[in-house]
Amino acid sequence: MLAEQLVDLARREGAFEADVVISRGVETSTRMANGHFERTIQSENQAVGLRVFVGKRQAIVSFGQLDLEVMQKMAAQAVAMAKLLPEDPCTGLLSPTFKKEKDDCSWHPYLDNLKQQEKHVQEMEQAALEIPQIQRTWSVEASCQATITTYAQQGWVAQKWKTMFGRSVVTVAADKDQMERDYDYSMATNFNHLRDHREVAISAARISASKLGAQTLKPQVLPVIFTTKIMRRFWAIIVSALSGNAVANRSSFLWDAMGQEIFASSLTMTDVPLLKDGLESKLFDCEGQQTEPLVLIKSGVIQSWLLDGHAARRLGLSPQANASRSIGSAPYPTSSNVIVHSGENREKAMRSVEKGLLVSELIGSGFNPVTGDFSYGVSGHFIEKGVVAHSVHKMTIAGNIKDLFSKIRLWDDSETGHAIITPSGMVDELTISGSSGS
């Protein structure tokens, strides 16, 4: 196999150890907007990443050709680079624990060809434009990818086979002098698990239209509800803060919080790499470690960091099979499928809100990963007596993630089809800033 051959070439050039990742894939995608096809892609691609170790020095090269001459040249170049770089006492390979030859848990081949994609995007645009107040589509896209990635080091090789299908729509709603844009999408490793493409389009259109007529609220303290989309964004911040690299660098606001009840006691979050049909499911990580579920937060208490081999060595801990890498990068710790446990009944909780703010969009990137402080522009809807009264915009929320998640109450409306599966959340009191209004 070429991956093993490249490892051998690197060792002959003077590498003490080496690992290789080779990605081969095919992709088809079709995109249209405002009645016109903008882009049609049908392509094949391959890329190679070679990492070599000379003592405690490492270097990485990437390239696209797999003939012997190129492989020899790149192996020699990688070894020469490594000899010039500083030592890292925590670098090195792990002994693989995954003993099978192939991970095909996310492999569901299906002929999602250009003809079908063109038909789907036309039907999606038509469905979106049937919703009142939709002026045009911004983009309508259908895509399909199939990738086989080979990982190898001395005496070990395994492959990850994966398919991914997607349908997405961005619509523009208009009313008098106001225009609003929003989106919806569906992704799945199994084509048959995609939401109906017309439903995706209708949903995107309704979301955009619902933002018209927005008002601004006066500054006040209100119950605030975060949709599942917003909760995914907040949980992604927390997942990033649990990265062993960030913890070791003390660049995470949670670096000293292991074993502490930082969050609400109702919060439990688990990394589930073996989730059936999960978007990020995998039987092994890129360092050859067999994966298993990992509880990250239990009853508000941090239980584990996300660890690859390098981060584990820096922290004096054991690897957790959380390593991922791109073709041109060293491994880094990251999550797979994150599942947040559900909470109270959504309908009952919503009925209890006399006046509140439902946040469906965060604007800007006002987050400090070292302190946990945040400040975002928000838009969404004002809630009165448990129902949506009108849309709102030009509002601001600010605070600290630890404080916010120490008070949050989760609902029971989790949505699958995402790498982070979480319900909506609500805090009983949060200060919102605005200029005038209700």
Foldseek 3Di string as FASTA:
>chain_A
DLQQVLQVLLVVLPFPKKKKKKKKKWKWKWKDWQPGTDDTDTDIAMKMKMWTHHDQFIFIDMDGDRDPVVSNVVSNVRVVVRVPDDGDPLDDADDAPDDDAEWELLAADDPCDPVNFVVLQVLLQVLLVVDPQFPIWPMWMWMKMWMKMWMDIVPDIHIYTFIKIKTKTKTWGDDDPDIFIFMFMFMFSHPVPTDRSNVRSNVRNVVRNQQPPAAWAAWDKFKEWEFPVVVVVLVVLVLVLLWLVCLLVLQAQCNPQAFHQLFAQLKWKKFAQCPRRAPQHDQAESSNYGAHMDTQAHRRHGHHGFADSSSCSSVVHDHHRQWYDDSGDDTTGGGGAMEIDAFAAPQVVLQVGQKHFYWHDWADDAARRNNQKGKTWTWGFIDHNSDGDGIHGRKMFIDGSSVVRNQKGGHHDWDGRDSYTGGMIIGGITIMHTDHDD
